[in-house]
Amino acid sequence: MFTNFLRENKIAAGILTVLRLYLGYSWFTAGLGKLTGGGFDASGFLKGAIGNPVKGPDGNMVYGWYVNFLESFALPNIDMFNFIVPWGETLIGLGLLLGCLTTAAMFFGLVMNFSFFLAGTVSHNPTDIFLGFIILTAGFNAGRIGLDRWVIPFIHRTLKTEGSKDKAKAAA
């Protein structure tokens, strides 16, 4: 029932637009600050997450697999992450602000939120994750008052046309 409300109701589309704009502004300003701030470097954050991992009540690492990922993949490829993080945040924010490819933007926003969360950063991540799941659950309705109103039907028409061409070639 609630899912149907989120996915189909016009009032929900308005509420989702407000949530989407709030998260979009947060993502966009965070990313733009990193892009224009004179050289973003995630290595300090990663070293801190590796050196002081999330621990459970027994004092043992909770997400050892994630610390291993940071140590063996993220840190050795820091240049890639120094590019992906600020551009990812900026593009996620732009997608949410414009309501363009909203579901994809929110999915990648949640991936980044969980990445920060697993590294031990609480901050506003729980709120962002909660709101992000609402937007992701709503699907198309979250971007209905935005560019998705035109972009998503265009993509569907284009893919349907391409699929028809492929079928015609296969039949020939």
Protein backbone atom coordinates (compact mmCIF):
# COMPACT_ATOMS: atom_id res chain seq x y z
CA MET A 1 0.00 0.00 0.00
CA PHE A 2 2.72 2.51 0.97
CA THR A 3 4.83 1.43 -2.01
CA ASN A 4 1.89 2.07 -4.35
CA PHE A 5 1.45 5.51 -2.80
CA LEU A 6 5.14 6.31 -3.38
CA ARG A 7 5.14 4.97 -6.93
CA GLU A 8 1.82 6.29 -8.25
CA ASN A 9 0.43 9.18 -6.23
CA LYS A 10 0.79 12.77 -7.49
CA ILE A 11 0.95 14.13 -3.93
CA ALA A 12 3.77 11.69 -3.23
CA ALA A 13 5.53 13.02 -6.36
CA GLY A 14 5.49 16.48 -4.78
CA ILE A 15 6.80 15.23 -1.44
CA LEU A 16 9.46 13.16 -3.22
CA THR A 17 10.53 16.23 -5.16
CA VAL A 18 11.23 18.08 -1.92
CA LEU A 19 13.21 15.12 -0.55
CA ARG A 20 15.04 14.74 -3.87
CA LEU A 21 15.98 18.42 -3.96
CA TYR A 22 17.23 18.31 -0.37
CA LEU A 23 19.47 15.29 -1.03
CA GLY A 24 20.49 16.63 -4.44
CA TYR A 25 21.65 19.91 -2.94
CA SER A 26 23.63 18.05 -0.25
CA TRP A 27 25.34 15.77 -2.81
CA PHE A 28 25.97 18.56 -5.32
CA THR A 29 27.52 20.99 -2.84
CA ALA A 30 29.68 18.24 -1.29
CA GLY A 31 30.99 17.20 -4.71
CA LEU A 32 31.43 20.72 -6.05
CA GLY A 33 33.32 21.70 -2.89
CA LYS A 34 35.74 18.84 -3.50
CA LEU A 35 36.13 19.70 -7.19
CA THR A 36 36.78 23.41 -6.62
CA GLY A 37 38.49 23.19 -3.24
CA GLY A 38 41.99 22.80 -4.61
CA GLY A 39 42.76 19.13 -4.81
CA PHE A 40 40.66 16.50 -3.09
CA ASP A 41 42.64 13.61 -1.60
CA ALA A 42 40.83 10.64 -0.05
CA SER A 43 44.00 8.90 1.13
CA GLY A 44 43.83 10.39 4.63
CA PHE A 45 40.22 9.27 5.02
CA LEU A 46 41.04 5.76 3.76
CA LYS A 47 44.10 5.45 6.02
CA GLY A 48 41.93 6.54 8.96
CA ALA A 49 39.24 3.99 8.07
CA ILE A 50 41.88 1.25 7.80
CA GLY A 51 43.71 2.29 10.99
CA ASN A 52 40.56 2.73 13.05
CA PRO A 53 37.95 0.32 11.64
CA VAL A 54 34.40 -0.04 12.91
CA LYS A 55 34.48 -2.34 15.95
CA GLY A 56 31.75 -4.25 17.69
CA PRO A 57 31.11 -4.41 21.44
CA ASP A 58 33.69 -7.20 21.72
CA GLY A 59 36.40 -4.96 20.23
CA ASN A 60 36.71 -6.95 16.99
CA MET A 61 36.39 -5.49 13.51
CA VAL A 62 32.82 -5.65 12.23
CA TYR A 63 33.53 -5.10 8.54
CA GLY A 64 36.87 -6.78 8.06
CA TRP A 65 36.07 -7.50 4.42
CA TYR A 66 35.56 -3.78 3.80
CA VAL A 67 38.80 -2.81 5.53
CA ASN A 68 40.52 -5.43 3.35
CA PHE A 69 38.93 -3.84 0.25
CA LEU A 70 40.12 -0.39 1.30
CA GLU A 71 43.63 -1.64 2.06
CA SER A 72 44.14 -3.87 -0.98
CA PHE A 73 42.17 -2.03 -3.68
CA ALA A 74 41.06 1.51 -2.78
CA LEU A 75 44.31 2.81 -1.30
CA PRO A 76 46.56 1.43 -4.09
CA ASN A 77 44.16 3.01 -6.62
CA ILE A 78 43.75 6.29 -4.77
CA ASP A 79 44.02 8.39 -7.95
CA MET A 80 40.92 6.69 -9.33
CA PHE A 81 39.01 7.28 -6.08
CA ASN A 82 40.18 10.90 -5.95
CA PHE A 83 38.47 11.29 -9.34
CA ILE A 84 35.38 9.15 -8.73
CA VAL A 85 34.33 10.56 -5.34
CA PRO A 86 34.02 14.28 -6.18
CA TRP A 87 32.64 13.68 -9.68
CA GLY A 88 30.29 10.99 -8.38
CA GLU A 89 28.95 13.26 -5.64
CA THR A 90 28.51 16.14 -8.08
CA LEU A 91 26.74 14.02 -10.72
CA ILE A 92 24.52 12.32 -8.14
CA GLY A 93 23.54 15.76 -6.87
CA LEU A 94 22.90 17.05 -10.37
CA GLY A 95 20.77 14.03 -11.25
CA LEU A 96 18.69 14.47 -8.10
CA LEU A 97 18.36 18.25 -8.46
CA LEU A 98 17.24 17.98 -12.08
CA GLY A 99 15.20 14.82 -11.56
CA CYS A 100 17.15 13.22 -14.39
CA LEU A 101 17.88 9.50 -14.16
CA THR A 102 16.74 9.85 -10.57
CA THR A 103 16.66 6.15 -9.74
CA ALA A 104 20.20 5.60 -11.04
CA ALA A 105 21.48 8.70 -9.24
CA MET A 106 19.90 7.57 -5.98
CA PHE A 107 21.24 4.03 -6.36
CA PHE A 108 24.79 5.33 -6.73
CA GLY A 109 24.18 7.81 -3.90
CA LEU A 110 23.22 4.91 -1.64
CA VAL A 111 26.31 2.97 -2.71
CA MET A 112 28.44 5.96 -1.68
CA ASN A 113 26.48 6.45 1.58
CA PHE A 114 27.03 2.83 2.53
CA SER A 115 30.71 3.10 1.60
CA PHE A 116 31.14 6.03 3.97
CA PHE A 117 29.08 4.27 6.61
CA LEU A 118 31.12 1.03 6.40
CA ALA A 119 34.27 3.12 6.77
CA GLY A 120 32.96 4.41 10.11
CA THR A 121 31.54 7.80 9.14
CA VAL A 122 28.12 8.23 10.69
CA SER A 123 27.46 11.97 10.21
CA HIS A 124 24.20 12.42 8.26
CA ASN A 125 24.52 9.07 6.45
CA PRO A 126 21.65 7.33 8.32
CA THR A 127 19.24 10.13 7.35
CA ASP A 128 20.51 10.15 3.76
CA ILE A 129 20.18 6.37 3.53
CA PHE A 130 16.63 6.47 4.90
CA LEU A 131 15.53 9.22 2.50
CA GLY A 132 17.46 7.57 -0.34
CA PHE A 133 15.59 4.30 0.08
CA ILE A 134 12.28 6.18 -0.02
CA ILE A 135 13.32 7.83 -3.30
CA LEU A 136 14.66 4.57 -4.72
CA THR A 137 11.45 2.72 -3.78
CA ALA A 138 9.36 5.41 -5.47
CA GLY A 139 11.17 4.85 -8.76
CA PHE A 140 9.93 6.97 -11.65
CA ASN A 141 7.52 8.97 -9.45
CA ALA A 142 10.48 10.54 -7.64
CA GLY A 143 11.56 12.20 -10.89
CA ARG A 144 8.09 12.82 -12.33
CA ILE A 145 8.42 16.52 -11.43
CA GLY A 146 11.74 16.79 -13.21
CA LEU A 147 13.48 15.79 -16.42
CA ASP A 148 12.59 12.12 -15.94
CA ARG A 149 9.12 13.02 -17.17
CA TRP A 150 10.66 13.31 -20.66
CA VAL A 151 13.98 11.45 -20.40
CA ILE A 152 12.64 8.07 -19.24
CA PRO A 153 9.95 7.78 -21.97
CA PHE A 154 12.59 8.81 -24.55
CA ILE A 155 14.94 6.06 -23.32
CA HIS A 156 12.11 3.52 -23.41
CA ARG A 157 11.15 4.53 -26.96
CA THR A 158 14.78 4.45 -28.10
CA LEU A 159 15.44 1.04 -26.59
CA LYS A 160 12.18 -0.32 -27.97
CA THR A 161 13.07 0.99 -31.45
CA GLU A 162 16.58 -0.47 -31.25
CA GLY A 163 15.14 -3.78 -30.07
CA SER A 164 12.77 -3.82 -33.04
CA LYS A 165 15.66 -3.16 -35.45
CA ASP A 166 17.69 -5.99 -33.90
CA LYS A 167 14.73 -8.39 -34.26
CA ALA A 168 14.25 -7.37 -37.90
CA LYS A 169 17.94 -8.00 -38.63
CA ALA A 170 17.79 -11.39 -36.93
CA ALA A 171 14.72 -12.36 -38.94
CA ALA A 172 16.36 -11.36 -42.25
